[in-house]
Amino acid sequence: MIPNAGVDIIGFFNPAQLSDLKAKGAILINGGVAGVIIAYNVSLDGSGGYSYKAYDRCSTVNPENRCAVTIENPYNVVDPCSGAKYSLIDGTPTKAPAKTALRTYNITISGNNSYRVTN
């Protein structure tokens, strides 16, 4: 089980982070157990909508090691310790040995490019 950590992170997206969100699909920030991923998901239904998601970077494979997942592409992150992969759309595992989804955090975005990540 991923260790518990209190999360209440308030920040502002800088221009480089906004660019990375759109190009890479996610950015990495400090906090949580092994860091936090903020993912930017474009709606696949053609509506032009999008959403933000926040996950702890701590892999669910051997979480006591606190291995931090890294961005592989706009849709997946990978655990460099085990090779497990997870979806940035919902945090679910997409490649073994992962069996459990990444820990999800609440995220709110304000019109002035500010964000708040909480649990």
PDB file of N, CA and C in Angstrom:
ATOM      1  N   MET A   1       0.844  -1.173   0.000  1.00  0.00           N
ATOM      2  CA  MET A   1       0.000   0.000   0.000  1.00  0.00           C
ATOM      3  C   MET A   1       0.895   1.244   0.000  1.00  0.00           C
ATOM      4  N   ILE A   2       0.505   2.225  -0.792  1.00  0.00           N
ATOM      5  CA  ILE A   2       1.247   3.485  -0.845  1.00  0.00           C
ATOM      6  C   ILE A   2       1.091   4.195   0.500  1.00  0.00           C
ATOM      7  N   PRO A   3       2.201   4.664   1.076  1.00  0.00           N
ATOM      8  CA  PRO A   3       2.102   5.389   2.350  1.00  0.00           C
ATOM      9  C   PRO A   3       1.211   6.627   2.201  1.00  0.00           C
ATOM     10  N   ASN A   4       0.605   7.037   3.304  1.00  0.00           N
ATOM     11  CA  ASN A   4      -0.218   8.244   3.286  1.00  0.00           C
ATOM     12  C   ASN A   4       0.655   9.478   3.426  1.00  0.00           C
ATOM     13  N   ALA A   5       0.256  10.537   2.767  1.00  0.00           N
ATOM     14  CA  ALA A   5       0.940  11.826   2.876  1.00  0.00           C
ATOM     15  C   ALA A   5      -0.116  12.912   2.749  1.00  0.00           C
ATOM     16  N   GLY A   6      -0.053  13.893   3.613  1.00  0.00           N
ATOM     17  CA  GLY A   6      -0.955  15.025   3.500  1.00  0.00           C
ATOM     18  C   GLY A   6      -0.582  15.856   2.280  1.00  0.00           C
ATOM     19  N   VAL A   7      -1.584  16.177   1.462  1.00  0.00           N
ATOM     20  CA  VAL A   7      -1.316  16.934   0.239  1.00  0.00           C
ATOM     21  C   VAL A   7      -2.242  18.142   0.188  1.00  0.00           C
ATOM     22  N   ASP A   8      -1.641  19.314   0.129  1.00  0.00           N
ATOM     23  CA  ASP A   8      -2.368  20.570  -0.081  1.00  0.00           C
ATOM     24  C   ASP A   8      -1.374  21.512  -0.756  1.00  0.00           C
ATOM     25  N   ILE A   9      -1.314  21.397  -2.087  1.00  0.00           N
ATOM     26  CA  ILE A   9      -0.324  22.118  -2.882  1.00  0.00           C
ATOM     27  C   ILE A   9      -1.034  23.200  -3.688  1.00  0.00           C
ATOM     28  N   ILE A  10      -0.570  24.416  -3.545  1.00  0.00           N
ATOM     29  CA  ILE A  10      -1.122  25.536  -4.307  1.00  0.00           C
ATOM     30  C   ILE A  10       0.008  26.106  -5.154  1.00  0.00           C
ATOM     31  N   GLY A  11      -0.260  26.322  -6.428  1.00  0.00           N
ATOM     32  CA  GLY A  11       0.773  26.859  -7.303  1.00  0.00           C
ATOM     33  C   GLY A  11       0.184  27.513  -8.536  1.00  0.00           C
ATOM     34  N   PHE A  12       1.057  28.020  -9.372  1.00  0.00           N
ATOM     35  CA  PHE A  12       0.686  28.651 -10.628  1.00  0.00           C
ATOM     36  C   PHE A  12       1.456  27.981 -11.752  1.00  0.00           C
ATOM     37  N   PHE A  13       0.772  27.690 -12.852  1.00  0.00           N
ATOM     38  CA  PHE A  13       1.459  27.154 -14.024  1.00  0.00           C
ATOM     39  C   PHE A  13       2.267  28.281 -14.661  1.00  0.00           C
ATOM     40  N   ASN A  14       3.573  28.074 -14.821  1.00  0.00           N
ATOM     41  CA  ASN A  14       4.374  29.052 -15.542  1.00  0.00           C
ATOM     42  C   ASN A  14       4.287  28.727 -17.037  1.00  0.00           C
ATOM     43  N   PRO A  15       4.741  29.615 -17.912  1.00  0.00           N
ATOM     44  CA  PRO A  15       4.616  29.362 -19.352  1.00  0.00           C
ATOM     45  C   PRO A  15       5.257  28.049 -19.808  1.00  0.00           C
ATOM     46  N   ALA A  16       6.399  27.679 -19.237  1.00  0.00           N
ATOM     47  CA  ALA A  16       7.053  26.419 -19.624  1.00  0.00           C
ATOM     48  C   ALA A  16       6.206  25.214 -19.216  1.00  0.00           C
ATOM     49  N   GLN A  17       5.595  25.276 -18.029  1.00  0.00           N
ATOM     50  CA  GLN A  17       4.735  24.179 -17.590  1.00  0.00           C
ATOM     51  C   GLN A  17       3.497  24.060 -18.471  1.00  0.00           C
ATOM     52  N   LEU A  18       2.899  25.190 -18.834  1.00  0.00           N
ATOM     53  CA  LEU A  18       1.731  25.147 -19.713  1.00  0.00           C
ATOM     54  C   LEU A  18       2.095  24.528 -21.057  1.00  0.00           C
ATOM     55  N   SER A  19       3.259  24.873 -21.572  1.00  0.00           N
ATOM     56  CA  SER A  19       3.732  24.299 -22.829  1.00  0.00           C
ATOM     57  C   SER A  19       3.947  22.794 -22.685  1.00  0.00           C
ATOM     58  N   ASP A  20       4.586  22.371 -21.590  1.00  0.00           N
ATOM     59  CA  ASP A  20       4.822  20.946 -21.357  1.00  0.00           C
ATOM     60  C   ASP A  20       3.516  20.180 -21.179  1.00  0.00           C
ATOM     61  N   LEU A  21       2.537  20.780 -20.508  1.00  0.00           N
ATOM     62  CA  LEU A  21       1.246  20.114 -20.338  1.00  0.00           C
ATOM     63  C   LEU A  21       0.636  19.765 -21.692  1.00  0.00           C
ATOM     64  N   LYS A  22       0.721  20.695 -22.616  1.00  0.00           N
ATOM     65  CA  LYS A  22       0.112  20.458 -23.930  1.00  0.00           C
ATOM     66  C   LYS A  22       0.975  19.558 -24.807  1.00  0.00           C
ATOM     67  N   ALA A  23       2.298  19.656 -24.694  1.00  0.00           N
ATOM     68  CA  ALA A  23       3.193  18.853 -25.539  1.00  0.00           C
ATOM     69  C   ALA A  23       3.428  17.452 -24.981  1.00  0.00           C
ATOM     70  N   LYS A  24       3.668  17.363 -23.680  1.00  0.00           N
ATOM     71  CA  LYS A  24       4.004  16.075 -23.059  1.00  0.00           C
ATOM     72  C   LYS A  24       2.820  15.412 -22.372  1.00  0.00           C
ATOM     73  N   GLY A  25       1.752  16.173 -22.148  1.00  0.00           N
ATOM     74  CA  GLY A  25       0.561  15.617 -21.505  1.00  0.00           C
ATOM     75  C   GLY A  25       0.594  15.672 -19.993  1.00  0.00           C
ATOM     76  N   ALA A  26       1.740  16.054 -19.407  1.00  0.00           N
ATOM     77  CA  ALA A  26       1.835  16.075 -17.945  1.00  0.00           C
ATOM     78  C   ALA A  26       3.054  16.871 -17.507  1.00  0.00           C
ATOM     79  N   ILE A  27       3.019  17.286 -16.252  1.00  0.00           N
ATOM     80  CA  ILE A  27       4.189  17.894 -15.613  1.00  0.00           C
ATOM     81  C   ILE A  27       4.371  17.227 -14.257  1.00  0.00           C
ATOM     82  N   LEU A  28       5.559  17.369 -13.703  1.00  0.00           N
ATOM     83  CA  LEU A  28       5.890  16.811 -12.399  1.00  0.00           C
ATOM     84  C   LEU A  28       6.116  17.957 -11.426  1.00  0.00           C
ATOM     85  N   ILE A  29       5.522  17.834 -10.220  1.00  0.00           N
ATOM     86  CA  ILE A  29       5.735  18.832  -9.176  1.00  0.00           C
ATOM     87  C   ILE A  29       6.084  18.113  -7.877  1.00  0.00           C
ATOM     88  N   ASN A  30       6.611  18.855  -6.925  1.00  0.00           N
ATOM     89  CA  ASN A  30       6.944  18.284  -5.624  1.00  0.00           C
ATOM     90  C   ASN A  30       5.689  18.092  -4.792  1.00  0.00           C
ATOM     91  N   GLY A  31       5.742  17.096  -3.884  1.00  0.00           N
ATOM     92  CA  GLY A  31       4.645  16.837  -2.965  1.00  0.00           C
ATOM     93  C   GLY A  31       4.276  15.377  -2.953  1.00  0.00           C
ATOM     94  N   GLY A  32       3.301  15.034  -2.133  1.00  0.00           N
ATOM     95  CA  GLY A  32       2.852  13.652  -2.042  1.00  0.00           C
ATOM     96  C   GLY A  32       3.921  12.739  -1.473  1.00  0.00           C
ATOM     97  N   VAL A  33       3.887  11.470  -1.862  1.00  0.00           N
ATOM     98  CA  VAL A  33       4.841  10.473  -1.384  1.00  0.00           C
ATOM     99  C   VAL A  33       6.122  10.510  -2.206  1.00  0.00           C
ATOM    100  N   ALA A  34       5.981  10.495  -3.535  1.00  0.00           N
ATOM    101  CA  ALA A  34       7.153  10.452  -4.432  1.00  0.00           C
ATOM    102  C   ALA A  34       7.100  11.564  -5.471  1.00  0.00           C
ATOM    103  N   GLY A  35       6.307  12.594  -5.214  1.00  0.00           N
ATOM    104  CA  GLY A  35       6.088  13.650  -6.182  1.00  0.00           C
ATOM    105  C   GLY A  35       4.669  13.540  -6.724  1.00  0.00           C
ATOM    106  N   VAL A  36       4.253  14.536  -7.477  1.00  0.00           N
ATOM    107  CA  VAL A  36       2.895  14.580  -8.030  1.00  0.00           C
ATOM    108  C   VAL A  36       2.978  14.812  -9.534  1.00  0.00           C
ATOM    109  N   ILE A  37       2.101  14.141 -10.262  1.00  0.00           N
ATOM    110  CA  ILE A  37       1.942  14.340 -11.701  1.00  0.00           C
ATOM    111  C   ILE A  37       0.649  15.108 -11.905  1.00  0.00           C
ATOM    112  N   ILE A  38       0.702  16.187 -12.655  1.00  0.00           N
ATOM    113  CA  ILE A  38      -0.520  16.843 -13.117  1.00  0.00           C
ATOM    114  C   ILE A  38      -0.619  16.523 -14.596  1.00  0.00           C
ATOM    115  N   ALA A  39      -1.708  15.846 -14.967  1.00  0.00           N
ATOM    116  CA  ALA A  39      -1.916  15.429 -16.352  1.00  0.00           C
ATOM    117  C   ALA A  39      -3.002  16.277 -16.997  1.00  0.00           C
ATOM    118  N   TYR A  40      -2.805  16.555 -18.270  1.00  0.00           N
ATOM    119  CA  TYR A  40      -3.744  17.343 -19.085  1.00  0.00           C
ATOM    120  C   TYR A  40      -4.291  16.394 -20.136  1.00  0.00           C
ATOM    121  N   ASN A  41      -5.577  16.092 -20.045  1.00  0.00           N
ATOM    122  CA  ASN A  41      -6.194  15.134 -20.957  1.00  0.00           C
ATOM    123  C   ASN A  41      -7.167  15.831 -21.888  1.00  0.00           C
ATOM    124  N   VAL A  42      -6.906  15.735 -23.172  1.00  0.00           N
ATOM    125  CA  VAL A  42      -7.831  16.260 -24.170  1.00  0.00           C
ATOM    126  C   VAL A  42      -8.933  15.229 -24.363  1.00  0.00           C
ATOM    127  N   SER A  43     -10.157  15.682 -24.416  1.00  0.00           N
ATOM    128  CA  SER A  43     -11.292  14.785 -24.600  1.00  0.00           C
ATOM    129  C   SER A  43     -11.178  14.031 -25.922  1.00  0.00           C
ATOM    130  N   LEU A  44     -11.442  12.745 -25.874  1.00  0.00           N
ATOM    131  CA  LEU A  44     -11.368  11.920 -27.074  1.00  0.00           C
ATOM    132  C   LEU A  44     -12.698  11.851 -27.821  1.00  0.00           C
ATOM    133  N   ASP A  45     -13.726  12.532 -27.294  1.00  0.00           N
ATOM    134  CA  ASP A  45     -15.043  12.455 -27.928  1.00  0.00           C
ATOM    135  C   ASP A  45     -15.256  13.518 -29.006  1.00  0.00           C
ATOM    136  N   GLY A  46     -14.213  14.288 -29.314  1.00  0.00           N
ATOM    137  CA  GLY A  46     -14.326  15.298 -30.361  1.00  0.00           C
ATOM    138  C   GLY A  46     -14.958  16.601 -29.916  1.00  0.00           C
ATOM    139  N   SER A  47     -15.248  16.731 -28.615  1.00  0.00           N
ATOM    140  CA  SER A  47     -15.931  17.923 -28.124  1.00  0.00           C
ATOM    141  C   SER A  47     -14.991  19.118 -27.968  1.00  0.00           C
ATOM    142  N   GLY A  48     -13.683  18.864 -28.015  1.00  0.00           N
ATOM    143  CA  GLY A  48     -12.725  19.939 -27.813  1.00  0.00           C
ATOM    144  C   GLY A  48     -12.469  20.220 -26.346  1.00  0.00           C
ATOM    145  N   GLY A  49     -13.095  19.439 -25.458  1.00  0.00           N
ATOM    146  CA  GLY A  49     -12.917  19.641 -24.025  1.00  0.00           C
ATOM    147  C   GLY A  49     -11.620  19.036 -23.515  1.00  0.00           C
ATOM    148  N   TYR A  50     -11.324  19.292 -22.269  1.00  0.00           N
ATOM    149  CA  TYR A  50     -10.131  18.747 -21.637  1.00  0.00           C
ATOM    150  C   TYR A  50     -10.373  18.677 -20.140  1.00  0.00           C
ATOM    151  N   SER A  51      -9.509  17.954 -19.463  1.00  0.00           N
ATOM    152  CA  SER A  51      -9.584  17.863 -18.012  1.00  0.00           C
ATOM    153  C   SER A  51      -8.181  17.742 -17.441  1.00  0.00           C
ATOM    154  N   TYR A  52      -8.056  18.052 -16.182  1.00  0.00           N
ATOM    155  CA  TYR A  52      -6.793  17.889 -15.467  1.00  0.00           C
ATOM    156  C   TYR A  52      -6.969  16.766 -14.456  1.00  0.00           C
ATOM    157  N   LYS A  53      -5.930  15.993 -14.249  1.00  0.00           N
ATOM    158  CA  LYS A  53      -5.905  14.925 -13.254  1.00  0.00           C
ATOM    159  C   LYS A  53      -4.619  15.085 -12.459  1.00  0.00           C
ATOM    160  N   ALA A  54      -4.613  14.605 -11.229  1.00  0.00           N
ATOM    161  CA  ALA A  54      -3.408  14.635 -10.394  1.00  0.00           C
ATOM    162  C   ALA A  54      -3.223  13.266  -9.760  1.00  0.00           C
ATOM    163  N   TYR A  55      -1.990  12.761  -9.830  1.00  0.00           N
ATOM    164  CA  TYR A  55      -1.652  11.447  -9.283  1.00  0.00           C
ATOM    165  C   TYR A  55      -0.368  11.544  -8.487  1.00  0.00           C
ATOM    166  N   ASP A  56      -0.225  10.653  -7.491  1.00  0.00           N
ATOM    167  CA  ASP A  56       1.067  10.531  -6.819  1.00  0.00           C
ATOM    168  C   ASP A  56       1.989   9.766  -7.746  1.00  0.00           C
ATOM    169  N   ARG A  57       3.249  10.133  -7.763  1.00  0.00           N
ATOM    170  CA  ARG A  57       4.229   9.462  -8.624  1.00  0.00           C
ATOM    171  C   ARG A  57       4.679   8.120  -8.052  1.00  0.00           C
ATOM    172  N   CYS A  58       4.319   7.793  -6.826  1.00  0.00           N
ATOM    173  CA  CYS A  58       4.756   6.548  -6.201  1.00  0.00           C
ATOM    174  C   CYS A  58       4.122   5.355  -6.917  1.00  0.00           C
ATOM    175  N   SER A  59       4.961   4.495  -7.468  1.00  0.00           N
ATOM    176  CA  SER A  59       4.477   3.297  -8.147  1.00  0.00           C
ATOM    177  C   SER A  59       3.754   2.408  -7.145  1.00  0.00           C
ATOM    178  N   THR A  60       2.712   1.725  -7.613  1.00  0.00           N
ATOM    179  CA  THR A  60       1.985   0.792  -6.757  1.00  0.00           C
ATOM    180  C   THR A  60       2.660  -0.582  -6.715  1.00  0.00           C
ATOM    181  N   VAL A  61       3.732  -0.764  -7.494  1.00  0.00           N
ATOM    182  CA  VAL A  61       4.535  -1.992  -7.431  1.00  0.00           C
ATOM    183  C   VAL A  61       5.629  -1.746  -6.393  1.00  0.00           C
ATOM    184  N   ASN A  62       5.636  -2.529  -5.330  1.00  0.00           N
ATOM    185  CA  ASN A  62       6.597  -2.342  -4.230  1.00  0.00           C
ATOM    186  C   ASN A  62       6.630  -0.886  -3.752  1.00  0.00           C
ATOM    187  N   PRO A  63       5.479  -0.347  -3.309  1.00  0.00           N
ATOM    188  CA  PRO A  63       5.408   1.073  -2.943  1.00  0.00           C
ATOM    189  C   PRO A  63       6.341   1.466  -1.799  1.00  0.00           C
ATOM    190  N   GLU A  64       6.766   0.495  -1.006  1.00  0.00           N
ATOM    191  CA  GLU A  64       7.695   0.812   0.082  1.00  0.00           C
ATOM    192  C   GLU A  64       9.025   1.349  -0.451  1.00  0.00           C
ATOM    193  N   ASN A  65       9.325   1.073  -1.725  1.00  0.00           N
ATOM    194  CA  ASN A  65      10.545   1.599  -2.352  1.00  0.00           C
ATOM    195  C   ASN A  65      10.389   3.038  -2.824  1.00  0.00           C
ATOM    196  N   ARG A  66       9.149   3.518  -2.876  1.00  0.00           N
ATOM    197  CA  ARG A  66       8.837   4.894  -3.302  1.00  0.00           C
ATOM    198  C   ARG A  66       9.454   5.236  -4.661  1.00  0.00           C
ATOM    199  N   CYS A  67       9.407   4.275  -5.565  1.00  0.00           N
ATOM    200  CA  CYS A  67       9.924   4.493  -6.918  1.00  0.00           C
ATOM    201  C   CYS A  67       8.974   5.444  -7.652  1.00  0.00           C
ATOM    202  N   ALA A  68       9.495   6.540  -8.156  1.00  0.00           N
ATOM    203  CA  ALA A  68       8.685   7.576  -8.807  1.00  0.00           C
ATOM    204  C   ALA A  68       8.532   7.286 -10.295  1.00  0.00           C
ATOM    205  N   VAL A  69       7.285   7.215 -10.752  1.00  0.00           N
ATOM    206  CA  VAL A  69       7.036   7.014 -12.176  1.00  0.00           C
ATOM    207  C   VAL A  69       7.480   8.245 -12.952  1.00  0.00           C
ATOM    208  N   THR A  70       7.806   8.030 -14.226  1.00  0.00           N
ATOM    209  CA  THR A  70       8.245   9.111 -15.104  1.00  0.00           C
ATOM    210  C   THR A  70       7.338   9.172 -16.326  1.00  0.00           C
ATOM    211  N   ILE A  71       7.284  10.309 -16.962  1.00  0.00           N
ATOM    212  CA  ILE A  71       6.430  10.497 -18.134  1.00  0.00           C
ATOM    213  C   ILE A  71       7.047   9.750 -19.315  1.00  0.00           C
ATOM    214  N   GLU A  72       6.253   8.858 -19.921  1.00  0.00           N
ATOM    215  CA  GLU A  72       6.708   8.134 -21.107  1.00  0.00           C
ATOM    216  C   GLU A  72       6.233   8.827 -22.381  1.00  0.00           C
ATOM    217  N   ASN A  73       4.965   9.238 -22.375  1.00  0.00           N
ATOM    218  CA  ASN A  73       4.353   9.929 -23.512  1.00  0.00           C
ATOM    219  C   ASN A  73       3.108  10.631 -22.984  1.00  0.00           C
ATOM    220  N   PRO A  74       2.339  11.338 -23.809  1.00  0.00           N
ATOM    221  CA  PRO A  74       1.168  12.060 -23.289  1.00  0.00           C
ATOM    222  C   PRO A  74       0.075  11.180 -22.684  1.00  0.00           C
ATOM    223  N   TYR A  75       0.202   9.863 -22.800  1.00  0.00           N
ATOM    224  CA  TYR A  75      -0.857   8.974 -22.321  1.00  0.00           C
ATOM    225  C   TYR A  75      -0.423   8.038 -21.209  1.00  0.00           C
ATOM    226  N   ASN A  76       0.891   7.872 -20.997  1.00  0.00           N
ATOM    227  CA  ASN A  76       1.379   6.886 -20.035  1.00  0.00           C
ATOM    228  C   ASN A  76       2.549   7.393 -19.222  1.00  0.00           C
ATOM    229  N   VAL A  77       2.671   6.826 -18.023  1.00  0.00           N
ATOM    230  CA  VAL A  77       3.872   6.976 -17.207  1.00  0.00           C
ATOM    231  C   VAL A  77       4.419   5.585 -16.959  1.00  0.00           C
ATOM    232  N   VAL A  78       5.720   5.509 -16.670  1.00  0.00           N
ATOM    233  CA  VAL A  78       6.379   4.216 -16.478  1.00  0.00           C
ATOM    234  C   VAL A  78       7.138   4.217 -15.160  1.00  0.00           C
ATOM    235  N   ASP A  79       7.115   3.068 -14.500  1.00  0.00           N
ATOM    236  CA  ASP A  79       7.886   2.846 -13.284  1.00  0.00           C
ATOM    237  C   ASP A  79       9.265   2.348 -13.711  1.00  0.00           C
ATOM    238  N   PRO A  80      10.318   3.166 -13.535  1.00  0.00           N
ATOM    239  CA  PRO A  80      11.639   2.747 -13.996  1.00  0.00           C
ATOM    240  C   PRO A  80      12.221   1.588 -13.188  1.00  0.00           C
ATOM    241  N   CYS A  81      11.657   1.298 -12.024  1.00  0.00           N
ATOM    242  CA  CYS A  81      12.166   0.206 -11.189  1.00  0.00           C
ATOM    243  C   CYS A  81      11.621  -1.156 -11.623  1.00  0.00           C
ATOM    244  N   SER A  82      10.333  -1.209 -12.012  1.00  0.00           N
ATOM    245  CA  SER A  82       9.713  -2.499 -12.348  1.00  0.00           C
ATOM    246  C   SER A  82       9.307  -2.633 -13.808  1.00  0.00           C
ATOM    247  N   GLY A  83       9.235  -1.505 -14.531  1.00  0.00           N
ATOM    248  CA  GLY A  83       8.755  -1.532 -15.912  1.00  0.00           C
ATOM    249  C   GLY A  83       7.246  -1.411 -16.037  1.00  0.00           C
ATOM    250  N   ALA A  84       6.529  -1.351 -14.908  1.00  0.00           N
ATOM    251  CA  ALA A  84       5.079  -1.200 -14.941  1.00  0.00           C
ATOM    252  C   ALA A  84       4.709   0.126 -15.594  1.00  0.00           C
ATOM    253  N   LYS A  85       3.528   0.154 -16.220  1.00  0.00           N
ATOM    254  CA  LYS A  85       3.039   1.380 -16.852  1.00  0.00           C
ATOM    255  C   LYS A  85       1.625   1.683 -16.378  1.00  0.00           C
ATOM    256  N   TYR A  86       1.306   2.991 -16.396  1.00  0.00           N
ATOM    257  CA  TYR A  86      -0.001   3.467 -15.947  1.00  0.00           C
ATOM    258  C   TYR A  86      -0.536   4.496 -16.932  1.00  0.00           C
ATOM    259  N   SER A  87      -1.862   4.536 -17.063  1.00  0.00           N
ATOM    260  CA  SER A  87      -2.532   5.501 -17.918  1.00  0.00           C
ATOM    261  C   SER A  87      -2.595   6.867 -17.246  1.00  0.00           C
ATOM    262  N   LEU A  88      -2.332   7.927 -18.012  1.00  0.00           N
ATOM    263  CA  LEU A  88      -2.506   9.285 -17.489  1.00  0.00           C
ATOM    264  C   LEU A  88      -3.966   9.729 -17.569  1.00  0.00           C
ATOM    265  N   ILE A  89      -4.794   8.957 -18.243  1.00  0.00           N
ATOM    266  CA  ILE A  89      -6.216   9.308 -18.346  1.00  0.00           C
ATOM    267  C   ILE A  89      -6.932   9.037 -17.033  1.00  0.00           C
ATOM    268  N   ASP A  90      -6.636   7.884 -16.398  1.00  0.00           N
ATOM    269  CA  ASP A  90      -7.318   7.549 -15.153  1.00  0.00           C
ATOM    270  C   ASP A  90      -6.420   6.902 -14.103  1.00  0.00           C
ATOM    271  N   GLY A  91      -5.129   6.766 -14.372  1.00  0.00           N
ATOM    272  CA  GLY A  91      -4.199   6.208 -13.403  1.00  0.00           C
ATOM    273  C   GLY A  91      -4.149   4.692 -13.335  1.00  0.00           C
ATOM    274  N   THR A  92      -4.954   4.025 -14.156  1.00  0.00           N
ATOM    275  CA  THR A  92      -4.999   2.567 -14.099  1.00  0.00           C
ATOM    276  C   THR A  92      -3.746   1.941 -14.699  1.00  0.00           C
ATOM    277  N   PRO A  93      -3.399   0.738 -14.224  1.00  0.00           N
ATOM    278  CA  PRO A  93      -2.229   0.058 -14.781  1.00  0.00           C
ATOM    279  C   PRO A  93      -2.486  -0.395 -16.214  1.00  0.00           C
ATOM    280  N   THR A  94      -1.470  -0.241 -17.062  1.00  0.00           N
ATOM    281  CA  THR A  94      -1.585  -0.678 -18.458  1.00  0.00           C
ATOM    282  C   THR A  94      -0.557  -1.743 -18.803  1.00  0.00           C
ATOM    283  N   LYS A  95       0.390  -2.007 -17.887  1.00  0.00           N
ATOM    284  CA  LYS A  95       1.393  -3.046 -18.116  1.00  0.00           C
ATOM    285  C   LYS A  95       1.814  -3.637 -16.779  1.00  0.00           C
ATOM    286  N   ALA A  96       1.870  -4.971 -16.731  1.00  0.00           N
ATOM    287  CA  ALA A  96       2.312  -5.680 -15.530  1.00  0.00           C
ATOM    288  C   ALA A  96       3.754  -5.300 -15.220  1.00  0.00           C
ATOM    289  N   PRO A  97       4.150  -5.419 -13.987  1.00  0.00           N
ATOM    290  CA  PRO A  97       3.483  -6.112 -12.892  1.00  0.00           C
ATOM    291  C   PRO A  97       2.478  -5.269 -12.104  1.00  0.00           C
ATOM    292  N   ALA A  98       2.165  -4.065 -12.539  1.00  0.00           N
ATOM    293  CA  ALA A  98       1.196  -3.228 -11.813  1.00  0.00           C
ATOM    294  C   ALA A  98      -0.191  -3.856 -11.857  1.00  0.00           C
ATOM    295  N   LYS A  99      -0.854  -3.846 -10.693  1.00  0.00           N
ATOM    296  CA  LYS A  99      -2.218  -4.361 -10.590  1.00  0.00           C
ATOM    297  C   LYS A  99      -3.175  -3.324 -10.011  1.00  0.00           C
ATOM    298  N   THR A 100      -2.605  -2.289  -9.409  1.00  0.00           N
ATOM    299  CA  THR A 100      -3.395  -1.265  -8.727  1.00  0.00           C
ATOM    300  C   THR A 100      -3.101   0.097  -9.346  1.00  0.00           C
ATOM    301  N   ALA A 101      -4.134   0.931  -9.435  1.00  0.00           N
ATOM    302  CA  ALA A 101      -3.996   2.272 -10.016  1.00  0.00           C
ATOM    303  C   ALA A 101      -3.149   3.176  -9.135  1.00  0.00           C
ATOM    304  N   LEU A 102      -2.593   4.203  -9.765  1.00  0.00           N
ATOM    305  CA  LEU A 102      -1.879   5.240  -9.025  1.00  0.00           C
ATOM    306  C   LEU A 102      -2.843   5.941  -8.075  1.00  0.00           C
ATOM    307  N   ARG A 103      -2.322   6.476  -6.979  1.00  0.00           N
ATOM    308  CA  ARG A 103      -3.159   7.249  -6.060  1.00  0.00           C
ATOM    309  C   ARG A 103      -3.565   8.546  -6.747  1.00  0.00           C
ATOM    310  N   THR A 104      -4.854   8.825  -6.709  1.00  0.00           N
ATOM    311  CA  THR A 104      -5.412  10.022  -7.338  1.00  0.00           C
ATOM    312  C   THR A 104      -5.622  11.107  -6.290  1.00  0.00           C
ATOM    313  N   TYR A 105      -5.324  12.330  -6.667  1.00  0.00           N
ATOM    314  CA  TYR A 105      -5.583  13.484  -5.814  1.00  0.00           C
ATOM    315  C   TYR A 105      -6.615  14.374  -6.488  1.00  0.00           C
ATOM    316  N   ASN A 106      -7.260  15.221  -5.689  1.00  0.00           N
ATOM    317  CA  ASN A 106      -8.199  16.210  -6.220  1.00  0.00           C
ATOM    318  C   ASN A 106      -7.395  17.372  -6.794  1.00  0.00           C
ATOM    319  N   ILE A 107      -7.870  17.920  -7.905  1.00  0.00           N
ATOM    320  CA  ILE A 107      -7.212  19.095  -8.473  1.00  0.00           C
ATOM    321  C   ILE A 107      -8.270  20.087  -8.930  1.00  0.00           C
ATOM    322  N   THR A 108      -8.040  21.348  -8.601  1.00  0.00           N
ATOM    323  CA  THR A 108      -8.901  22.425  -9.083  1.00  0.00           C
ATOM    324  C   THR A 108      -8.007  23.445  -9.792  1.00  0.00           C
ATOM    325  N   ILE A 109      -8.527  23.959 -10.880  1.00  0.00           N
ATOM    326  CA  ILE A 109      -7.813  24.929 -11.707  1.00  0.00           C
ATOM    327  C   ILE A 109      -8.613  26.228 -11.709  1.00  0.00           C
ATOM    328  N   SER A 110      -7.921  27.353 -11.520  1.00  0.00           N
ATOM    329  CA  SER A 110      -8.581  28.652 -11.574  1.00  0.00           C
ATOM    330  C   SER A 110      -8.208  29.351 -12.873  1.00  0.00           C
ATOM    331  N   GLY A 111      -9.001  30.318 -13.248  1.00  0.00           N
ATOM    332  CA  GLY A 111      -8.812  31.030 -14.503  1.00  0.00           C
ATOM    333  C   GLY A 111      -7.486  31.757 -14.655  1.00  0.00           C
ATOM    334  N   ASN A 112      -6.799  32.000 -13.549  1.00  0.00           N
ATOM    335  CA  ASN A 112      -5.528  32.724 -13.625  1.00  0.00           C
ATOM    336  C   ASN A 112      -4.335  31.767 -13.654  1.00  0.00           C
ATOM    337  N   ASN A 113      -4.545  30.545 -14.173  1.00  0.00           N
ATOM    338  CA  ASN A 113      -3.504  29.524 -14.272  1.00  0.00           C
ATOM    339  C   ASN A 113      -2.998  29.043 -12.919  1.00  0.00           C
ATOM    340  N   SER A 114      -3.813  29.151 -11.892  1.00  0.00           N
ATOM    341  CA  SER A 114      -3.421  28.608 -10.595  1.00  0.00           C
ATOM    342  C   SER A 114      -4.065  27.241 -10.412  1.00  0.00           C
ATOM    343  N   TYR A 115      -3.417  26.422  -9.593  1.00  0.00           N
ATOM    344  CA  TYR A 115      -3.951  25.092  -9.310  1.00  0.00           C
ATOM    345  C   TYR A 115      -3.854  24.805  -7.819  1.00  0.00           C
ATOM    346  N   ARG A 116      -4.683  23.864  -7.377  1.00  0.00           N
ATOM    347  CA  ARG A 116      -4.619  23.361  -6.005  1.00  0.00           C
ATOM    348  C   ARG A 116      -4.831  21.867  -6.064  1.00  0.00           C
ATOM    349  N   VAL A 117      -3.879  21.134  -5.478  1.00  0.00           N
ATOM    350  CA  VAL A 117      -3.939  19.675  -5.423  1.00  0.00           C
ATOM    351  C   VAL A 117      -4.106  19.285  -3.962  1.00  0.00           C
ATOM    352  N   THR A 118      -5.127  18.478  -3.671  1.00  0.00           N
ATOM    353  CA  THR A 118      -5.411  18.081  -2.283  1.00  0.00           C
ATOM    354  C   THR A 118      -5.808  16.610  -2.219  1.00  0.00           C
ATOM    355  N   ASN A 119      -5.755  16.077  -0.991  1.00  0.00           N
ATOM    356  CA  ASN A 119      -6.307  14.737  -0.778  1.00  0.00           C
ATOM    357  C   ASN A 119      -7.334  14.788   0.332  1.00  0.00           C
TER     358      ASN A 119
END
